[in-house]
Amino acid sequence: MNFSLAIDDILAEELCKFRVNQQCDIDMVERTLHYYKGYPIFTKGYFDKYYTDKNIQRNLAQSNSSITWDSIETISKGTIYKVILSSQKNVNFPYISIYDDKVENNFTATFMQNDNRQKAKEHLKALLENAKCIFVYDLYLANNWASFLNFIQECFPRKQLSILYPKEIDSNTINTNPHIPKLTQEQCSEITKIGGKSPNKNLWSFKVDNTHQNFTNLHDRYLIIDNKIEIILTSGIDNLIDDSKDFTYIVRRHKQ
């Protein structure tokens, strides 16, 4: 039987209470459940307390992989993800704090070469549907302009919308990296035309970003929606449109 990850005793105590409808720390339980995958494992005492189902205990006993119960650290080595959910902050590996750890549990999808991307497009379109401001961080936007136009026509909402792009690709920015192409005035004007008008005013504005100071010289591509949602496009918008290569995206809350 394969266990997903280990959980420390403080969290285990609250999960056991929650499981039998006893009073528990709801915030701690919710944060733990955010990382919950498959069958978690605990120290021996909490394992027997949590898994009251004798079939699970029997399957464990018959499993080819034996568990060493010496400590939560040794227990975690027998799990799929090799980590321990922790009730403490600022913890080192193999612990993951349920309170704002760098290791997160987010929505993500990977599409291999020639995989249909329609589900990804529909998901991104839904995330963007109510946006008022979208920051597009892609230093090579100018090089993949046709794919970007395809993407925004398919996924951006046709309503009042502010679209921002990074300073590095603005034509007025002095850039020390000659390999980063700048947007032309014609390209910028093209965006506002695509957005349409209502009735005599452009629905979309397209201008340089001046607020996201941490977004500079980054490899991955990002869409920041109203400073609330962050979409990471690991191989760029181009590979969402073109299925000749793999494409992965990650959706998480944006941390300001």
Protein backbone atom coordinates (compact mmCIF):
# COMPACT_ATOMS: atom_id res chain seq x y z
CA MET A 1 0.00 0.00 0.00
CA ASN A 2 1.41 3.40 -0.98
CA PHE A 3 1.13 6.38 1.38
CA SER A 4 1.36 9.88 -0.06
CA LEU A 5 3.06 11.92 2.67
CA ALA A 6 3.61 12.06 6.43
CA ILE A 7 1.83 14.35 8.89
CA ASP A 8 3.24 15.52 12.24
CA ASP A 9 1.55 14.68 15.54
CA ILE A 10 -0.02 18.10 16.16
CA LEU A 11 -1.80 18.04 12.81
CA ALA A 12 -2.62 14.36 13.22
CA GLU A 13 -4.38 15.09 16.51
CA GLU A 14 -6.62 17.68 14.86
CA LEU A 15 -7.37 15.42 11.88
CA CYS A 16 -8.37 12.58 14.18
CA LYS A 17 -10.75 14.88 16.06
CA PHE A 18 -12.17 16.17 12.77
CA ARG A 19 -12.68 12.63 11.50
CA VAL A 20 -14.98 11.74 14.43
CA ASN A 21 -16.75 15.12 14.59
CA GLN A 22 -15.01 16.28 17.76
CA GLN A 23 -14.12 19.92 18.40
CA CYS A 24 -10.91 20.74 16.56
CA ASP A 25 -8.82 23.58 15.14
CA ILE A 26 -10.72 24.15 11.88
CA ASP A 27 -8.11 26.50 10.42
CA MET A 28 -5.38 23.92 10.98
CA VAL A 29 -7.50 21.14 9.50
CA GLU A 30 -8.37 23.20 6.41
CA ARG A 31 -4.73 24.08 5.83
CA THR A 32 -3.78 20.42 6.18
CA LEU A 33 -6.49 19.29 3.79
CA HIS A 34 -5.15 21.77 1.24
CA TYR A 35 -2.11 19.46 0.90
CA TYR A 36 -4.05 16.23 1.43
CA LYS A 37 -3.32 13.56 -1.18
CA GLY A 38 -4.31 9.92 -1.19
CA TYR A 39 -3.52 8.11 2.05
CA PRO A 40 -1.32 10.10 4.46
CA ILE A 41 0.70 8.36 7.14
CA PHE A 42 1.37 9.24 10.79
CA THR A 43 3.41 8.05 13.73
CA LYS A 44 2.22 4.61 14.92
CA GLY A 45 -0.16 5.83 17.63
CA TYR A 46 -1.97 8.24 15.35
CA PHE A 47 -1.94 5.77 12.47
CA ASP A 48 -3.99 3.28 14.51
CA LYS A 49 -6.23 6.10 15.73
CA TYR A 50 -6.83 7.60 12.28
CA TYR A 51 -7.17 4.40 10.26
CA THR A 52 -9.84 2.57 12.20
CA ASP A 53 -10.64 0.59 9.05
CA LYS A 54 -9.14 -2.84 9.66
CA ASN A 55 -8.84 -3.45 5.90
CA ILE A 56 -6.31 -0.62 5.61
CA GLN A 57 -4.32 -1.95 8.55
CA ARG A 58 -4.43 -5.42 7.01
CA ASN A 59 -3.26 -4.11 3.62
CA LEU A 60 -0.39 -2.35 5.34
CA ALA A 61 0.63 -5.51 7.13
CA GLN A 62 0.59 -7.41 3.82
CA SER A 63 2.42 -4.69 1.91
CA ASN A 64 5.79 -5.49 0.38
CA SER A 65 7.16 -2.14 1.57
CA SER A 66 7.77 -2.23 5.31
CA ILE A 67 7.52 1.00 7.31
CA THR A 68 10.10 1.92 9.91
CA TRP A 69 8.22 3.57 12.78
CA ASP A 70 11.34 5.00 14.52
CA SER A 71 10.42 8.66 13.81
CA ILE A 72 8.28 10.79 11.54
CA GLU A 73 11.40 11.49 9.44
CA THR A 74 12.06 7.80 8.76
CA ILE A 75 8.34 7.22 8.13
CA SER A 76 8.31 9.97 5.48
CA LYS A 77 11.06 8.22 3.50
CA GLY A 78 8.60 5.47 2.65
CA THR A 79 6.00 7.85 1.20
CA ILE A 80 5.49 8.87 -2.42
CA TYR A 81 6.35 12.55 -1.97
CA LYS A 82 8.99 12.15 0.81
CA VAL A 83 7.67 15.09 2.84
CA ILE A 84 6.07 15.80 6.24
CA LEU A 85 3.28 18.31 6.73
CA SER A 86 4.17 20.46 9.71
CA SER A 87 2.25 22.69 12.13
CA GLN A 88 5.36 24.85 12.58
CA LYS A 89 6.60 27.80 10.52
CA ASN A 90 10.00 28.25 8.84
CA VAL A 91 10.81 24.53 8.71
CA ASN A 92 13.47 22.75 6.70
CA PHE A 93 13.07 19.76 4.40
CA PRO A 94 11.51 17.21 4.66
CA TYR A 95 8.99 19.36 6.54
CA ILE A 96 6.45 21.53 4.73
CA SER A 97 4.71 24.15 6.81
CA ILE A 98 0.96 24.41 6.29
CA TYR A 99 1.54 28.14 6.90
CA ASP A 100 2.92 29.85 3.81
CA ASP A 101 5.63 27.40 2.71
CA LYS A 102 7.51 27.77 -0.57
CA VAL A 103 6.36 24.26 -1.45
CA GLU A 104 2.73 24.70 -2.48
CA ASN A 105 -0.17 22.62 -3.71
CA ASN A 106 -1.64 24.35 -6.76
CA PHE A 107 -3.69 23.62 -9.87
CA THR A 108 -1.37 22.52 -12.65
CA ALA A 109 -1.57 20.74 -15.98
CA THR A 110 0.97 19.39 -18.45
CA PHE A 111 0.25 18.79 -22.12
CA MET A 112 2.75 16.72 -24.06
CA GLN A 113 3.60 17.13 -27.73
CA ASN A 114 0.48 16.98 -29.94
CA ASP A 115 -1.89 16.94 -26.93
CA ASN A 116 -5.05 18.96 -27.47
CA ARG A 117 -4.82 22.22 -25.46
CA GLN A 118 -8.53 23.07 -25.52
CA LYS A 119 -9.08 22.32 -21.83
CA ALA A 120 -6.19 24.59 -20.87
CA LYS A 121 -7.56 27.40 -23.04
CA GLU A 122 -11.02 27.05 -21.51
CA HIS A 123 -9.55 27.09 -17.99
CA LEU A 124 -7.47 30.20 -18.68
CA LYS A 125 -10.43 31.90 -20.34
CA ALA A 126 -12.56 31.27 -17.24
CA LEU A 127 -9.84 32.69 -14.97
CA LEU A 128 -9.56 35.80 -17.15
CA GLU A 129 -13.29 36.31 -17.68
CA ASN A 130 -13.89 38.85 -14.88
CA ALA A 131 -10.47 40.49 -14.97
CA LYS A 132 -10.08 44.26 -14.83
CA CYS A 133 -6.29 44.26 -15.11
CA ILE A 134 -3.95 41.61 -16.55
CA PHE A 135 -0.17 41.91 -16.28
CA VAL A 136 1.49 39.85 -19.02
CA TYR A 137 5.10 39.11 -18.11
CA ASP A 138 6.88 37.69 -21.14
CA LEU A 139 10.21 39.15 -22.19
CA TYR A 140 9.92 37.58 -25.65
CA LEU A 141 6.39 38.69 -26.39
CA ALA A 142 7.49 40.57 -29.50
CA ASN A 143 9.08 37.43 -30.96
CA ASN A 144 5.93 35.36 -30.42
CA TRP A 145 3.50 38.09 -31.36
CA ALA A 146 1.24 36.00 -33.60
CA SER A 147 0.70 33.43 -30.83
CA PHE A 148 -0.02 36.19 -28.32
CA LEU A 149 -2.63 37.76 -30.61
CA ASN A 150 -4.21 34.36 -31.12
CA PHE A 151 -4.31 33.81 -27.36
CA ILE A 152 -5.86 37.15 -26.38
CA GLN A 153 -8.49 36.95 -29.12
CA GLU A 154 -9.53 33.54 -27.84
CA CYS A 155 -9.19 34.01 -24.08
CA PHE A 156 -9.29 37.70 -23.05
CA PRO A 157 -12.71 39.19 -22.17
CA ARG A 158 -14.16 41.78 -24.54
CA LYS A 159 -14.86 44.42 -21.93
CA GLN A 160 -13.08 47.33 -20.22
CA LEU A 161 -9.65 45.88 -19.54
CA SER A 162 -6.18 47.16 -18.70
CA ILE A 163 -3.38 44.99 -20.13
CA LEU A 164 0.12 45.64 -18.83
CA TYR A 165 3.50 44.50 -20.15
CA PRO A 166 6.97 44.63 -18.50
CA LYS A 167 9.29 47.62 -18.74
CA GLU A 168 12.05 45.50 -20.26
CA ILE A 169 10.18 45.23 -23.55
CA ASP A 170 8.95 48.82 -23.70
CA SER A 171 10.41 50.78 -26.61
CA ASN A 172 11.27 53.71 -24.31
CA THR A 173 13.30 51.60 -21.89
CA ILE A 174 17.07 51.52 -22.24
CA ASN A 175 17.82 47.82 -22.07
CA THR A 176 21.26 46.41 -21.35
CA ASN A 177 20.25 43.02 -22.78
CA PRO A 178 20.25 43.21 -26.58
CA HIS A 179 18.60 39.78 -26.84
CA ILE A 180 15.30 41.06 -25.41
CA PRO A 181 13.18 42.40 -28.30
CA LYS A 182 11.15 45.58 -27.80
CA LEU A 183 7.51 46.05 -28.70
CA THR A 184 6.82 48.40 -31.57
CA GLN A 185 4.21 51.13 -31.55
CA GLU A 186 2.36 49.24 -34.27
CA GLN A 187 2.13 46.15 -32.06
CA CYS A 188 0.83 48.16 -29.11
CA SER A 189 -1.82 49.80 -31.29
CA GLU A 190 -2.87 46.42 -32.61
CA ILE A 191 -3.96 45.30 -29.12
CA THR A 192 -6.35 48.20 -28.60
CA LYS A 193 -7.89 47.60 -32.03
CA ILE A 194 -8.52 43.93 -31.27
CA GLY A 195 -10.31 44.82 -28.02
CA GLY A 196 -12.91 46.85 -29.86
CA LYS A 197 -14.81 49.95 -28.72
CA SER A 198 -17.78 50.83 -26.52
CA PRO A 199 -19.19 52.96 -28.04
CA ASN A 200 -16.36 55.30 -29.08
CA LYS A 201 -13.76 54.37 -26.50
CA ASN A 202 -11.28 51.51 -26.74
CA LEU A 203 -12.24 48.66 -24.42
CA TRP A 204 -8.65 47.51 -23.99
CA SER A 205 -5.65 49.59 -22.97
CA PHE A 206 -2.12 48.25 -23.45
CA LYS A 207 0.63 49.99 -21.52
CA VAL A 208 3.85 49.48 -19.61
CA ASP A 209 3.66 48.14 -16.05
CA ASN A 210 5.01 50.24 -13.18
CA THR A 211 3.86 48.29 -10.13
CA HIS A 212 5.23 44.74 -10.19
CA GLN A 213 8.78 45.53 -9.11
CA ASN A 214 9.67 41.89 -8.33
CA PHE A 215 9.01 40.85 -11.90
CA THR A 216 12.26 41.54 -13.67
CA ASN A 217 14.74 39.32 -15.52
CA LEU A 218 12.58 36.21 -14.97
CA HIS A 219 12.66 33.10 -17.15
CA ASP A 220 9.06 31.88 -16.78
CA ARG A 221 6.09 33.71 -18.26
CA TYR A 222 3.34 35.01 -15.99
CA LEU A 223 -0.21 36.32 -16.15
CA ILE A 224 -1.19 38.30 -13.04
CA ILE A 225 -4.96 38.79 -12.81
CA ASP A 226 -6.08 41.75 -10.68
CA ASN A 227 -3.13 41.07 -8.37
CA LYS A 228 -5.08 38.08 -7.03
CA ILE A 229 -4.40 35.13 -9.32
CA GLU A 230 -1.04 34.15 -10.82
CA ILE A 231 -0.73 31.89 -13.84
CA ILE A 232 2.75 30.58 -14.58
CA LEU A 233 3.36 29.49 -18.17
CA THR A 234 6.59 27.54 -17.91
CA SER A 235 7.22 27.35 -21.64
CA GLY A 236 5.37 30.46 -22.73
CA ILE A 237 2.14 31.39 -24.48
CA ASP A 238 3.60 30.19 -27.78
CA ASN A 239 3.44 26.56 -26.68
CA LEU A 240 -0.17 26.91 -25.57
CA ILE A 241 -1.07 27.75 -29.16
CA ASP A 242 1.48 25.51 -30.88
CA ASP A 243 1.24 21.83 -29.82
CA SER A 244 4.55 20.78 -31.39
CA LYS A 245 6.18 21.00 -27.94
CA ASP A 246 5.10 20.29 -24.37
CA PHE A 247 3.27 22.91 -22.32
CA THR A 248 2.75 23.28 -18.56
CA TYR A 249 0.84 25.91 -16.60
CA ILE A 250 0.38 26.50 -12.88
CA VAL A 251 -2.41 28.48 -11.22
CA ARG A 252 -1.95 29.88 -7.72
CA ARG A 253 -2.86 32.85 -5.58
CA HIS A 254 -0.72 35.91 -6.22
CA LYS A 255 1.35 37.00 -3.22
CA GLN A 256 2.00 40.72 -3.19
